[in-house]
PDB file of N, CA and C in Angstrom:
ATOM      1  N   MET A   1      29.362  -0.748  56.496  1.00  0.00           N
ATOM      2  CA  MET A   1      30.146   0.416  56.635  1.00  0.00           C
ATOM      3  C   MET A   1      30.375   1.105  55.304  1.00  0.00           C
ATOM      4  N   THR A   2      30.313   2.411  55.282  1.00  0.00           N
ATOM      5  CA  THR A   2      30.454   3.156  54.049  1.00  0.00           C
ATOM      6  C   THR A   2      31.933   3.133  53.610  1.00  0.00           C
ATOM      7  N   PRO A   3      32.202   3.353  52.296  1.00  0.00           N
ATOM      8  CA  PRO A   3      33.537   3.401  51.865  1.00  0.00           C
ATOM      9  C   PRO A   3      34.386   4.556  52.490  1.00  0.00           C
ATOM     10  N   GLU A   4      33.703   5.593  52.821  1.00  0.00           N
ATOM     11  CA  GLU A   4      34.315   6.724  53.571  1.00  0.00           C
ATOM     12  C   GLU A   4      34.825   6.337  54.950  1.00  0.00           C
ATOM     13  N   LEU A   5      33.979   5.552  55.628  1.00  0.00           N
ATOM     14  CA  LEU A   5      34.370   5.106  57.021  1.00  0.00           C
ATOM     15  C   LEU A   5      35.424   4.059  56.831  1.00  0.00           C
ATOM     16  N   LEU A   6      35.385   3.046  55.939  1.00  0.00           N
ATOM     17  CA  LEU A   6      36.356   2.072  55.761  1.00  0.00           C
ATOM     18  C   LEU A   6      37.705   2.739  55.438  1.00  0.00           C
ATOM     19  N   LYS A   7      37.747   3.774  54.614  1.00  0.00           N
ATOM     20  CA  LYS A   7      38.952   4.433  54.326  1.00  0.00           C
ATOM     21  C   LYS A   7      39.560   5.113  55.561  1.00  0.00           C
ATOM     22  N   ALA A   8      38.678   5.738  56.322  1.00  0.00           N
ATOM     23  CA  ALA A   8      39.147   6.476  57.542  1.00  0.00           C
ATOM     24  C   ALA A   8      39.675   5.472  58.587  1.00  0.00           C
ATOM     25  N   ILE A   9      39.078   4.362  58.682  1.00  0.00           N
ATOM     26  CA  ILE A   9      39.566   3.271  59.650  1.00  0.00           C
ATOM     27  C   ILE A   9      41.028   2.826  59.201  1.00  0.00           C
ATOM     28  N   GLU A  10      41.170   2.604  57.930  1.00  0.00           N
ATOM     29  CA  GLU A  10      42.379   2.129  57.366  1.00  0.00           C
ATOM     30  C   GLU A  10      43.517   3.074  57.553  1.00  0.00           C
ATOM     31  N   HIS A  11      43.228   4.401  57.410  1.00  0.00           N
ATOM     32  CA  HIS A  11      44.300   5.377  57.308  1.00  0.00           C
ATOM     33  C   HIS A  11      44.451   6.274  58.514  1.00  0.00           C
ATOM     34  N   SER A  12      43.664   6.000  59.541  1.00  0.00           N
ATOM     35  CA  SER A  12      43.708   6.843  60.761  1.00  0.00           C
ATOM     36  C   SER A  12      44.535   6.294  61.923  1.00  0.00           C
ATOM     37  N   GLN A  13      45.185   7.128  62.712  1.00  0.00           N
ATOM     38  CA  GLN A  13      45.909   6.615  63.843  1.00  0.00           C
ATOM     39  C   GLN A  13      45.012   7.005  65.076  1.00  0.00           C
ATOM     40  N   GLU A  14      44.115   7.938  64.937  1.00  0.00           N
ATOM     41  CA  GLU A  14      43.306   8.318  66.060  1.00  0.00           C
ATOM     42  C   GLU A  14      41.761   8.360  65.627  1.00  0.00           C
ATOM     43  N   VAL A  15      40.913   8.290  66.602  1.00  0.00           N
ATOM     44  CA  VAL A  15      39.524   8.431  66.504  1.00  0.00           C
ATOM     45  C   VAL A  15      39.054   9.268  67.626  1.00  0.00           C
ATOM     46  N   PHE A  16      37.951  10.012  67.475  1.00  0.00           N
ATOM     47  CA  PHE A  16      37.421  10.733  68.522  1.00  0.00           C
ATOM     48  C   PHE A  16      36.358   9.810  69.191  1.00  0.00           C
ATOM     49  N   ILE A  17      36.451   9.705  70.487  1.00  0.00           N
ATOM     50  CA  ILE A  17      35.460   8.927  71.311  1.00  0.00           C
ATOM     51  C   ILE A  17      34.654   9.815  72.075  1.00  0.00           C
ATOM     52  N   MET A  18      33.339   9.654  71.922  1.00  0.00           N
ATOM     53  CA  MET A  18      32.400  10.372  72.733  1.00  0.00           C
ATOM     54  C   MET A  18      31.783   9.506  73.809  1.00  0.00           C
ATOM     55  N   THR A  19      31.848   9.966  75.039  1.00  0.00           N
ATOM     56  CA  THR A  19      31.296   9.192  76.158  1.00  0.00           C
ATOM     57  C   THR A  19      30.262  10.133  76.841  1.00  0.00           C
ATOM     58  N   TYR A  20      29.438   9.581  77.684  1.00  0.00           N
ATOM     59  CA  TYR A  20      28.328  10.360  78.235  1.00  0.00           C
ATOM     60  C   TYR A  20      28.354  10.192  79.793  1.00  0.00           C
ATOM     61  N   ASP A  21      28.162  11.424  80.492  1.00  0.00           N
ATOM     62  CA  ASP A  21      28.100  11.303  81.932  1.00  0.00           C
ATOM     63  C   ASP A  21      26.621  10.892  82.305  1.00  0.00           C
ATOM     64  N   PRO A  22      26.402  10.652  83.556  1.00  0.00           N
ATOM     65  CA  PRO A  22      25.086  10.180  84.034  1.00  0.00           C
ATOM     66  C   PRO A  22      23.897  11.041  83.557  1.00  0.00           C
ATOM     67  N   SER A  23      24.071  12.318  83.393  1.00  0.00           N
ATOM     68  CA  SER A  23      23.007  13.167  82.949  1.00  0.00           C
ATOM     69  C   SER A  23      22.868  13.096  81.414  1.00  0.00           C
ATOM     70  N   GLY A  24      23.781  12.506  80.714  1.00  0.00           N
ATOM     71  CA  GLY A  24      23.623  12.367  79.269  1.00  0.00           C
ATOM     72  C   GLY A  24      24.518  13.373  78.480  1.00  0.00           C
ATOM     73  N   LYS A  25      25.186  14.213  79.345  1.00  0.00           N
ATOM     74  CA  LYS A  25      26.103  15.231  78.771  1.00  0.00           C
ATOM     75  C   LYS A  25      27.269  14.501  78.055  1.00  0.00           C
ATOM     76  N   PRO A  26      27.590  14.861  76.716  1.00  0.00           N
ATOM     77  CA  PRO A  26      28.651  14.149  76.012  1.00  0.00           C
ATOM     78  C   PRO A  26      29.951  14.852  76.313  1.00  0.00           C
ATOM     79  N   GLY A  27      31.020  14.078  76.165  1.00  0.00           N
ATOM     80  CA  GLY A  27      32.383  14.602  76.189  1.00  0.00           C
ATOM     81  C   GLY A  27      33.174  13.815  75.178  1.00  0.00           C
ATOM     82  N   THR A  28      34.057  14.486  74.391  1.00  0.00           N
ATOM     83  CA  THR A  28      34.761  13.904  73.231  1.00  0.00           C
ATOM     84  C   THR A  28      36.241  14.200  73.392  1.00  0.00           C
ATOM     85  N   VAL A  29      37.018  13.136  73.224  1.00  0.00           N
ATOM     86  CA  VAL A  29      38.507  13.230  73.208  1.00  0.00           C
ATOM     87  C   VAL A  29      39.136  12.321  72.070  1.00  0.00           C
ATOM     88  N   PRO A  30      40.289  12.735  71.554  1.00  0.00           N
ATOM     89  CA  PRO A  30      40.862  11.807  70.572  1.00  0.00           C
ATOM     90  C   PRO A  30      41.715  10.684  71.302  1.00  0.00           C
ATOM     91  N   VAL A  31      41.567   9.484  70.710  1.00  0.00           N
ATOM     92  CA  VAL A  31      42.338   8.328  71.295  1.00  0.00           C
ATOM     93  C   VAL A  31      42.869   7.442  70.148  1.00  0.00           C
ATOM     94  N   TRP A  32      43.906   6.623  70.454  1.00  0.00           N
ATOM     95  CA  TRP A  32      44.380   5.682  69.632  1.00  0.00           C
ATOM     96  C   TRP A  32      43.318   4.531  69.510  1.00  0.00           C
ATOM     97  N   PHE A  33      43.215   3.829  68.409  1.00  0.00           N
ATOM     98  CA  PHE A  33      42.209   2.737  68.305  1.00  0.00           C
ATOM     99  C   PHE A  33      42.759   1.677  67.421  1.00  0.00           C
ATOM    100  N   ASP A  34      42.200   0.507  67.631  1.00  0.00           N
ATOM    101  CA  ASP A  34      42.431  -0.693  66.734  1.00  0.00           C
ATOM    102  C   ASP A  34      41.076  -1.232  66.319  1.00  0.00           C
ATOM    103  N   TYR A  35      41.128  -1.884  65.098  1.00  0.00           N
ATOM    104  CA  TYR A  35      39.978  -2.553  64.616  1.00  0.00           C
ATOM    105  C   TYR A  35      40.373  -3.968  64.424  1.00  0.00           C
ATOM    106  N   ASN A  36      39.692  -4.916  65.031  1.00  0.00           N
ATOM    107  CA  ASN A  36      40.035  -6.291  65.012  1.00  0.00           C
ATOM    108  C   ASN A  36      38.730  -7.211  65.053  1.00  0.00           C
ATOM    109  N   GLN A  37      38.650  -8.045  64.159  1.00  0.00           N
ATOM    110  CA  GLN A  37      37.473  -9.032  64.152  1.00  0.00           C
ATOM    111  C   GLN A  37      36.106  -8.375  64.430  1.00  0.00           C
ATOM    112  N   GLY A  38      35.868  -7.246  63.756  1.00  0.00           N
ATOM    113  CA  GLY A  38      34.643  -6.648  63.795  1.00  0.00           C
ATOM    114  C   GLY A  38      34.342  -5.713  64.993  1.00  0.00           C
ATOM    115  N   ASN A  39      35.297  -5.600  65.849  1.00  0.00           N
ATOM    116  CA  ASN A  39      35.207  -4.745  67.041  1.00  0.00           C
ATOM    117  C   ASN A  39      36.292  -3.657  67.072  1.00  0.00           C
ATOM    118  N   PHE A  40      35.999  -2.569  67.689  1.00  0.00           N
ATOM    119  CA  PHE A  40      36.995  -1.550  67.869  1.00  0.00           C
ATOM    120  C   PHE A  40      37.584  -1.602  69.315  1.00  0.00           C
ATOM    121  N   TYR A  41      38.798  -1.251  69.409  1.00  0.00           N
ATOM    122  CA  TYR A  41      39.507  -1.310  70.721  1.00  0.00           C
ATOM    123  C   TYR A  41      40.227   0.028  71.036  1.00  0.00           C
ATOM    124  N   VAL A  42      40.186   0.478  72.302  1.00  0.00           N
ATOM    125  CA  VAL A  42      40.859   1.632  72.711  1.00  0.00           C
ATOM    126  C   VAL A  42      41.654   1.319  73.973  1.00  0.00           C
ATOM    127  N   SER A  43      42.866   1.647  73.995  1.00  0.00           N
ATOM    128  CA  SER A  43      43.638   1.424  75.236  1.00  0.00           C
ATOM    129  C   SER A  43      43.743   2.832  75.925  1.00  0.00           C
ATOM    130  N   THR A  44      43.484   2.832  77.216  1.00  0.00           N
ATOM    131  CA  THR A  44      43.407   4.104  77.871  1.00  0.00           C
ATOM    132  C   THR A  44      43.721   3.883  79.379  1.00  0.00           C
ATOM    133  N   TYR A  45      43.953   4.961  80.085  1.00  0.00           N
ATOM    134  CA  TYR A  45      44.252   4.821  81.517  1.00  0.00           C
ATOM    135  C   TYR A  45      43.027   4.318  82.334  1.00  0.00           C
ATOM    136  N   ALA A  46      43.242   3.505  83.273  1.00  0.00           N
ATOM    137  CA  ALA A  46      42.218   2.871  83.982  1.00  0.00           C
ATOM    138  C   ALA A  46      41.334   3.875  84.781  1.00  0.00           C
ATOM    139  N   ASP A  47      42.023   4.999  85.162  1.00  0.00           N
ATOM    140  CA  ASP A  47      41.285   5.984  85.987  1.00  0.00           C
ATOM    141  C   ASP A  47      40.873   7.192  85.172  1.00  0.00           C
ATOM    142  N   SER A  48      40.892   7.104  83.830  1.00  0.00           N
ATOM    143  CA  SER A  48      40.534   8.230  82.962  1.00  0.00           C
ATOM    144  C   SER A  48      39.046   8.547  83.098  1.00  0.00           C
ATOM    145  N   MET A  49      38.698   9.789  82.803  1.00  0.00           N
ATOM    146  CA  MET A  49      37.336  10.193  82.794  1.00  0.00           C
ATOM    147  C   MET A  49      36.449   9.379  81.870  1.00  0.00           C
ATOM    148  N   LYS A  50      36.970   8.970  80.676  1.00  0.00           N
ATOM    149  CA  LYS A  50      36.204   8.196  79.818  1.00  0.00           C
ATOM    150  C   LYS A  50      35.854   6.831  80.392  1.00  0.00           C
ATOM    151  N   CYS A  51      36.790   6.161  81.142  1.00  0.00           N
ATOM    152  CA  CYS A  51      36.526   4.912  81.807  1.00  0.00           C
ATOM    153  C   CYS A  51      35.472   5.104  82.881  1.00  0.00           C
ATOM    154  N   GLN A  52      35.554   6.161  83.640  1.00  0.00           N
ATOM    155  CA  GLN A  52      34.657   6.521  84.627  1.00  0.00           C
ATOM    156  C   GLN A  52      33.179   6.562  84.071  1.00  0.00           C
ATOM    157  N   LYS A  53      33.106   7.275  83.040  1.00  0.00           N
ATOM    158  CA  LYS A  53      31.812   7.477  82.386  1.00  0.00           C
ATOM    159  C   LYS A  53      31.274   6.169  81.752  1.00  0.00           C
ATOM    160  N   ILE A  54      32.129   5.314  81.108  1.00  0.00           N
ATOM    161  CA  ILE A  54      31.797   4.097  80.522  1.00  0.00           C
ATOM    162  C   ILE A  54      31.255   3.111  81.523  1.00  0.00           C
ATOM    163  N   ARG A  55      31.865   3.113  82.765  1.00  0.00           N
ATOM    164  CA  ARG A  55      31.404   2.237  83.840  1.00  0.00           C
ATOM    165  C   ARG A  55      30.001   2.547  84.227  1.00  0.00           C
ATOM    166  N   GLN A  56      29.564   3.887  84.019  1.00  0.00           N
ATOM    167  CA  GLN A  56      28.147   4.278  84.335  1.00  0.00           C
ATOM    168  C   GLN A  56      27.233   4.157  83.136  1.00  0.00           C
ATOM    169  N   ASN A  57      27.777   4.410  82.026  1.00  0.00           N
ATOM    170  CA  ASN A  57      26.945   4.424  80.772  1.00  0.00           C
ATOM    171  C   ASN A  57      27.891   3.907  79.590  1.00  0.00           C
ATOM    172  N   PRO A  58      27.605   2.706  79.116  1.00  0.00           N
ATOM    173  CA  PRO A  58      28.493   2.124  78.094  1.00  0.00           C
ATOM    174  C   PRO A  58      28.359   2.620  76.676  1.00  0.00           C
ATOM    175  N   SER A  59      27.375   3.504  76.473  1.00  0.00           N
ATOM    176  CA  SER A  59      27.129   4.092  75.163  1.00  0.00           C
ATOM    177  C   SER A  59      28.328   4.934  74.754  1.00  0.00           C
ATOM    178  N   VAL A  60      28.751   4.773  73.535  1.00  0.00           N
ATOM    179  CA  VAL A  60      29.885   5.592  72.876  1.00  0.00           C
ATOM    180  C   VAL A  60      29.574   5.915  71.474  1.00  0.00           C
ATOM    181  N   LYS A  61      30.242   6.912  70.999  1.00  0.00           N
ATOM    182  CA  LYS A  61      30.251   7.159  69.547  1.00  0.00           C
ATOM    183  C   LYS A  61      31.717   7.406  69.135  1.00  0.00           C
ATOM    184  N   LEU A  62      32.099   6.751  68.028  1.00  0.00           N
ATOM    185  CA  LEU A  62      33.463   6.864  67.484  1.00  0.00           C
ATOM    186  C   LEU A  62      33.290   7.713  66.227  1.00  0.00           C
ATOM    187  N   THR A  63      34.180   8.780  66.032  1.00  0.00           N
ATOM    188  CA  THR A  63      34.102   9.566  64.892  1.00  0.00           C
ATOM    189  C   THR A  63      35.518   9.746  64.356  1.00  0.00           C
ATOM    190  N   TRP A  64      35.709   9.668  63.004  1.00  0.00           N
ATOM    191  CA  TRP A  64      36.984   9.677  62.423  1.00  0.00           C
ATOM    192  C   TRP A  64      37.282  11.001  61.677  1.00  0.00           C
ATOM    193  N   VAL A  65      38.506  11.371  61.547  1.00  0.00           N
ATOM    194  CA  VAL A  65      39.090  12.432  60.767  1.00  0.00           C
ATOM    195  C   VAL A  65      38.788  13.822  61.481  1.00  0.00           C
ATOM    196  N   THR A  66      37.518  14.190  61.601  1.00  0.00           N
ATOM    197  CA  THR A  66      37.163  15.389  62.358  1.00  0.00           C
ATOM    198  C   THR A  66      36.049  14.999  63.229  1.00  0.00           C
ATOM    199  N   ARG A  67      35.661  15.912  64.107  1.00  0.00           N
ATOM    200  CA  ARG A  67      34.561  15.631  65.022  1.00  0.00           C
ATOM    201  C   ARG A  67      33.184  15.448  64.251  1.00  0.00           C
ATOM    202  N   ASP A  68      33.155  15.944  63.064  1.00  0.00           N
ATOM    203  CA  ASP A  68      31.943  15.718  62.208  1.00  0.00           C
ATOM    204  C   ASP A  68      32.145  14.717  61.118  1.00  0.00           C
ATOM    205  N   GLY A  69      33.230  13.879  61.196  1.00  0.00           N
ATOM    206  CA  GLY A  69      33.541  12.934  60.136  1.00  0.00           C
ATOM    207  C   GLY A  69      32.628  11.663  60.264  1.00  0.00           C
ATOM    208  N   PRO A  70      32.973  10.642  59.462  1.00  0.00           N
ATOM    209  CA  PRO A  70      32.198   9.355  59.528  1.00  0.00           C
ATOM    210  C   PRO A  70      32.264   8.815  60.938  1.00  0.00           C
ATOM    211  N   SER A  71      31.128   8.184  61.273  1.00  0.00           N
ATOM    212  CA  SER A  71      31.104   7.691  62.728  1.00  0.00           C
ATOM    213  C   SER A  71      30.319   6.390  62.852  1.00  0.00           C
ATOM    214  N   ILE A  72      30.409   5.753  64.029  1.00  0.00           N
ATOM    215  CA  ILE A  72      29.588   4.582  64.377  1.00  0.00           C
ATOM    216  C   ILE A  72      29.228   4.817  65.896  1.00  0.00           C
ATOM    217  N   THR A  73      28.132   4.120  66.250  1.00  0.00           N
ATOM    218  CA  THR A  73      27.806   4.116  67.680  1.00  0.00           C
ATOM    219  C   THR A  73      27.882   2.699  68.189  1.00  0.00           C
ATOM    220  N   GLY A  74      28.067   2.638  69.500  1.00  0.00           N
ATOM    221  CA  GLY A  74      28.159   1.267  70.118  1.00  0.00           C
ATOM    222  C   GLY A  74      28.257   1.245  71.536  1.00  0.00           C
ATOM    223  N   THR A  75      28.630   0.164  72.073  1.00  0.00           N
ATOM    224  CA  THR A  75      28.728   0.063  73.574  1.00  0.00           C
ATOM    225  C   THR A  75      30.137  -0.347  73.891  1.00  0.00           C
ATOM    226  N   ALA A  76      30.653   0.094  74.903  1.00  0.00           N
ATOM    227  CA  ALA A  76      32.025  -0.189  75.330  1.00  0.00           C
ATOM    228  C   ALA A  76      31.992  -0.852  76.674  1.00  0.00           C
ATOM    229  N   GLU A  77      33.034  -1.796  76.773  1.00  0.00           N
ATOM    230  CA  GLU A  77      33.271  -2.383  78.105  1.00  0.00           C
ATOM    231  C   GLU A  77      34.811  -2.687  78.224  1.00  0.00           C
ATOM    232  N   ILE A  78      35.207  -2.742  79.473  1.00  0.00           N
ATOM    233  CA  ILE A  78      36.548  -3.105  79.707  1.00  0.00           C
ATOM    234  C   ILE A  78      36.727  -4.593  79.508  1.00  0.00           C
ATOM    235  N   VAL A  79      37.812  -4.899  78.750  1.00  0.00           N
ATOM    236  CA  VAL A  79      38.128  -6.323  78.378  1.00  0.00           C
ATOM    237  C   VAL A  79      38.922  -6.961  79.493  1.00  0.00           C
ATOM    238  N   SER A  80      38.535  -8.192  79.949  1.00  0.00           N
ATOM    239  CA  SER A  80      39.315  -8.822  80.952  1.00  0.00           C
ATOM    240  C   SER A  80      39.752 -10.299  80.361  1.00  0.00           C
ATOM    241  N   LYS A  81      39.105 -10.661  79.227  1.00  0.00           N
ATOM    242  CA  LYS A  81      39.431 -12.045  78.725  1.00  0.00           C
ATOM    243  C   LYS A  81      40.839 -12.027  78.080  1.00  0.00           C
ATOM    244  N   ARG A  82      41.647 -12.875  78.666  1.00  0.00           N
ATOM    245  CA  ARG A  82      42.991 -12.942  78.226  1.00  0.00           C
ATOM    246  C   ARG A  82      43.192 -13.209  76.757  1.00  0.00           C
ATOM    247  N   GLU A  83      42.339 -14.079  76.222  1.00  0.00           N
ATOM    248  CA  GLU A  83      42.492 -14.376  74.733  1.00  0.00           C
ATOM    249  C   GLU A  83      42.269 -13.198  73.838  1.00  0.00           C
ATOM    250  N   VAL A  84      41.309 -12.242  74.297  1.00  0.00           N
ATOM    251  CA  VAL A  84      41.140 -11.033  73.547  1.00  0.00           C
ATOM    252  C   VAL A  84      42.294 -10.136  73.682  1.00  0.00           C
ATOM    253  N   LEU A  85      42.820  -9.946  74.892  1.00  0.00           N
ATOM    254  CA  LEU A  85      43.993  -9.130  75.132  1.00  0.00           C
ATOM    255  C   LEU A  85      45.230  -9.613  74.327  1.00  0.00           C
ATOM    256  N   GLU A  86      45.421 -10.872  74.287  1.00  0.00           N
ATOM    257  CA  GLU A  86      46.455 -11.481  73.544  1.00  0.00           C
ATOM    258  C   GLU A  86      46.368 -11.388  72.028  1.00  0.00           C
ATOM    259  N   ARG A  87      45.154 -11.271  71.600  1.00  0.00           N
ATOM    260  CA  ARG A  87      44.812 -11.135  70.148  1.00  0.00           C
ATOM    261  C   ARG A  87      45.057  -9.690  69.704  1.00  0.00           C
ATOM    262  N   VAL A  88      44.586  -8.745  70.540  1.00  0.00           N
ATOM    263  CA  VAL A  88      44.639  -7.339  70.115  1.00  0.00           C
ATOM    264  C   VAL A  88      46.066  -6.667  70.415  1.00  0.00           C
ATOM    265  N   ALA A  89      46.793  -7.159  71.346  1.00  0.00           N
ATOM    266  CA  ALA A  89      48.037  -6.554  71.783  1.00  0.00           C
ATOM    267  C   ALA A  89      49.036  -6.464  70.580  1.00  0.00           C
ATOM    268  N   PRO A  90      49.245  -7.494  69.805  1.00  0.00           N
ATOM    269  CA  PRO A  90      50.175  -7.415  68.657  1.00  0.00           C
ATOM    270  C   PRO A  90      49.742  -6.467  67.632  1.00  0.00           C
ATOM    271  N   VAL A  91      48.407  -6.350  67.394  1.00  0.00           N
ATOM    272  CA  VAL A  91      47.882  -5.400  66.524  1.00  0.00           C
ATOM    273  C   VAL A  91      48.178  -3.950  66.996  1.00  0.00           C
ATOM    274  N   HIS A  92      47.916  -3.704  68.204  1.00  0.00           N
ATOM    275  CA  HIS A  92      48.110  -2.361  68.909  1.00  0.00           C
ATOM    276  C   HIS A  92      49.662  -2.042  68.919  1.00  0.00           C
ATOM    277  N   ASP A  93      50.480  -3.028  69.247  1.00  0.00           N
ATOM    278  CA  ASP A  93      51.884  -2.783  69.305  1.00  0.00           C
ATOM    279  C   ASP A  93      52.529  -2.459  67.996  1.00  0.00           C
ATOM    280  N   SER A  94      52.030  -3.126  66.916  1.00  0.00           N
ATOM    281  CA  SER A  94      52.614  -2.800  65.623  1.00  0.00           C
ATOM    282  C   SER A  94      52.114  -1.489  65.054  1.00  0.00           C
ATOM    283  N   LYS A  95      50.976  -1.072  65.448  1.00  0.00           N
ATOM    284  CA  LYS A  95      50.424   0.255  64.966  1.00  0.00           C
ATOM    285  C   LYS A  95      50.947   1.398  65.742  1.00  0.00           C
ATOM    286  N   TYR A  96      51.169   1.313  66.998  1.00  0.00           N
ATOM    287  CA  TYR A  96      51.651   2.376  67.828  1.00  0.00           C
ATOM    288  C   TYR A  96      52.937   2.007  68.501  1.00  0.00           C
ATOM    289  N   THR A  97      54.053   2.372  67.939  1.00  0.00           N
ATOM    290  CA  THR A  97      55.329   2.020  68.447  1.00  0.00           C
ATOM    291  C   THR A  97      55.829   2.981  69.535  1.00  0.00           C
ATOM    292  N   ASP A  98      55.083   4.030  69.833  1.00  0.00           N
ATOM    293  CA  ASP A  98      55.619   5.028  70.821  1.00  0.00           C
ATOM    294  C   ASP A  98      54.923   4.798  72.172  1.00  0.00           C
ATOM    295  N   GLY A  99      54.226   3.730  72.437  1.00  0.00           N
ATOM    296  CA  GLY A  99      53.378   3.534  73.565  1.00  0.00           C
ATOM    297  C   GLY A  99      54.235   3.287  74.843  1.00  0.00           C
ATOM    298  N   PRO A 100      53.702   3.351  75.972  1.00  0.00           N
ATOM    299  CA  PRO A 100      54.364   3.177  77.291  1.00  0.00           C
ATOM    300  C   PRO A 100      54.514   1.723  77.666  1.00  0.00           C
ATOM    301  N   TRP A 101      54.911   0.853  76.726  1.00  0.00           N
ATOM    302  CA  TRP A 101      55.128  -0.546  77.023  1.00  0.00           C
ATOM    303  C   TRP A 101      56.354  -0.979  76.306  1.00  0.00           C
ATOM    304  N   ASP A 102      56.984  -2.047  76.837  1.00  0.00           N
ATOM    305  CA  ASP A 102      58.238  -2.519  76.296  1.00  0.00           C
ATOM    306  C   ASP A 102      58.090  -3.702  75.251  1.00  0.00           C
ATOM    307  N   SER A 103      56.947  -4.370  75.295  1.00  0.00           N
ATOM    308  CA  SER A 103      56.756  -5.508  74.420  1.00  0.00           C
ATOM    309  C   SER A 103      55.212  -5.836  74.431  1.00  0.00           C
ATOM    310  N   VAL A 104      54.851  -6.730  73.540  1.00  0.00           N
ATOM    311  CA  VAL A 104      53.491  -7.241  73.444  1.00  0.00           C
ATOM    312  C   VAL A 104      53.074  -7.845  74.818  1.00  0.00           C
ATOM    313  N   GLU A 105      53.984  -8.658  75.428  1.00  0.00           N
ATOM    314  CA  GLU A 105      53.770  -9.291  76.655  1.00  0.00           C
ATOM    315  C   GLU A 105      53.512  -8.264  77.767  1.00  0.00           C
ATOM    316  N   HIS A 106      54.298  -7.170  77.774  1.00  0.00           N
ATOM    317  CA  HIS A 106      54.121  -6.125  78.679  1.00  0.00           C
ATOM    318  C   HIS A 106      52.715  -5.449  78.584  1.00  0.00           C
ATOM    319  N   LEU A 107      52.301  -5.231  77.333  1.00  0.00           N
ATOM    320  CA  LEU A 107      51.052  -4.603  77.057  1.00  0.00           C
ATOM    321  C   LEU A 107      49.925  -5.489  77.510  1.00  0.00           C
ATOM    322  N   VAL A 108      50.012  -6.770  77.331  1.00  0.00           N
ATOM    323  CA  VAL A 108      48.962  -7.763  77.721  1.00  0.00           C
ATOM    324  C   VAL A 108      48.912  -7.728  79.380  1.00  0.00           C
ATOM    325  N   LYS A 109      50.121  -7.660  79.986  1.00  0.00           N
ATOM    326  CA  LYS A 109      50.158  -7.697  81.411  1.00  0.00           C
ATOM    327  C   LYS A 109      49.514  -6.347  81.968  1.00  0.00           C
ATOM    328  N   MET A 110      49.829  -5.174  81.364  1.00  0.00           N
ATOM    329  CA  MET A 110      49.194  -3.896  81.827  1.00  0.00           C
ATOM    330  C   MET A 110      47.674  -4.007  81.714  1.00  0.00           C
ATOM    331  N   TRP A 111      47.211  -4.428  80.539  1.00  0.00           N
ATOM    332  CA  TRP A 111      45.769  -4.515  80.370  1.00  0.00           C
ATOM    333  C   TRP A 111      45.106  -5.571  81.312  1.00  0.00           C
ATOM    334  N   SER A 112      45.741  -6.641  81.518  1.00  0.00           N
ATOM    335  CA  SER A 112      45.120  -7.700  82.373  1.00  0.00           C
ATOM    336  C   SER A 112      45.121  -7.301  83.885  1.00  0.00           C
ATOM    337  N   GLU A 113      46.146  -6.518  84.349  1.00  0.00           N
ATOM    338  CA  GLU A 113      46.183  -6.093  85.709  1.00  0.00           C
ATOM    339  C   GLU A 113      45.189  -4.925  85.879  1.00  0.00           C
ATOM    340  N   ALA A 114      44.796  -4.163  84.786  1.00  0.00           N
ATOM    341  CA  ALA A 114      43.872  -3.096  84.868  1.00  0.00           C
ATOM    342  C   ALA A 114      44.169  -2.132  85.949  1.00  0.00           C
ATOM    343  N   LYS A 115      45.418  -1.887  86.289  1.00  0.00           N
ATOM    344  CA  LYS A 115      45.782  -0.865  87.368  1.00  0.00           C
ATOM    345  C   LYS A 115      46.120   0.424  86.647  1.00  0.00           C
ATOM    346  N   GLU A 116      47.055   0.372  85.680  1.00  0.00           N
ATOM    347  CA  GLU A 116      47.453   1.571  84.929  1.00  0.00           C
ATOM    348  C   GLU A 116      46.641   1.832  83.690  1.00  0.00           C
ATOM    349  N   ARG A 117      46.530   0.757  82.854  1.00  0.00           N
ATOM    350  CA  ARG A 117      45.804   0.886  81.571  1.00  0.00           C
ATOM    351  C   ARG A 117      44.851  -0.274  81.429  1.00  0.00           C
ATOM    352  N   VAL A 118      43.787   0.053  80.641  1.00  0.00           N
ATOM    353  CA  VAL A 118      42.807  -1.065  80.358  1.00  0.00           C
ATOM    354  C   VAL A 118      42.518  -1.000  78.797  1.00  0.00           C
ATOM    355  N   LEU A 119      41.945  -2.047  78.391  1.00  0.00           N
ATOM    356  CA  LEU A 119      41.601  -2.182  76.917  1.00  0.00           C
ATOM    357  C   LEU A 119      40.048  -2.122  76.898  1.00  0.00           C
ATOM    358  N   LEU A 120      39.519  -1.174  76.170  1.00  0.00           N
ATOM    359  CA  LEU A 120      38.086  -1.057  75.924  1.00  0.00           C
ATOM    360  C   LEU A 120      37.706  -1.754  74.623  1.00  0.00           C
ATOM    361  N   GLU A 121      36.660  -2.508  74.646  1.00  0.00           N
ATOM    362  CA  GLU A 121      36.193  -3.171  73.466  1.00  0.00           C
ATOM    363  C   GLU A 121      34.777  -2.484  73.119  1.00  0.00           C
ATOM    364  N   ILE A 122      34.736  -1.967  71.878  1.00  0.00           N
ATOM    365  CA  ILE A 122      33.565  -1.292  71.466  1.00  0.00           C
ATOM    366  C   ILE A 122      32.836  -2.131  70.443  1.00  0.00           C
ATOM    367  N   THR A 123      31.634  -2.541  70.759  1.00  0.00           N
ATOM    368  CA  THR A 123      30.786  -3.340  69.814  1.00  0.00           C
ATOM    369  C   THR A 123      29.814  -2.332  69.169  1.00  0.00           C
ATOM    370  N   VAL A 124      29.797  -2.450  67.857  1.00  0.00           N
ATOM    371  CA  VAL A 124      28.959  -1.557  67.027  1.00  0.00           C
ATOM    372  C   VAL A 124      27.484  -1.939  67.210  1.00  0.00           C
ATOM    373  N   SER A 125      26.697  -0.845  67.367  1.00  0.00           N
ATOM    374  CA  SER A 125      25.176  -1.078  67.567  1.00  0.00           C
ATOM    375  C   SER A 125      24.629  -1.499  66.239  1.00  0.00           C
TER     376      SER A 125
END
């Protein structure tokens, strides 16, 4: 990772995530993110357009600061492993105090049920 990217990861609350529809057309939206043990994580609504696209095409691009800022490419998947959810939840909870959850345990429960929200794990290519 470049020094510019490392600085952006350390100091950013949001990242732009680009997902692709079945025809390859990209769509980009800002999201909250976490970086933990070499992977990036995004919490999002289970029925969001980005989740629908990722289920069909797991390729993503994350870009920091501006849509043309430092970036990485990777693959995304919905996390179901409880140990990953329990590891990322405290990181997410401490970084984003305005989220729609009451506690770390509530966040893990929401992600594990995958009804309202899910956790996406992005592995760098």
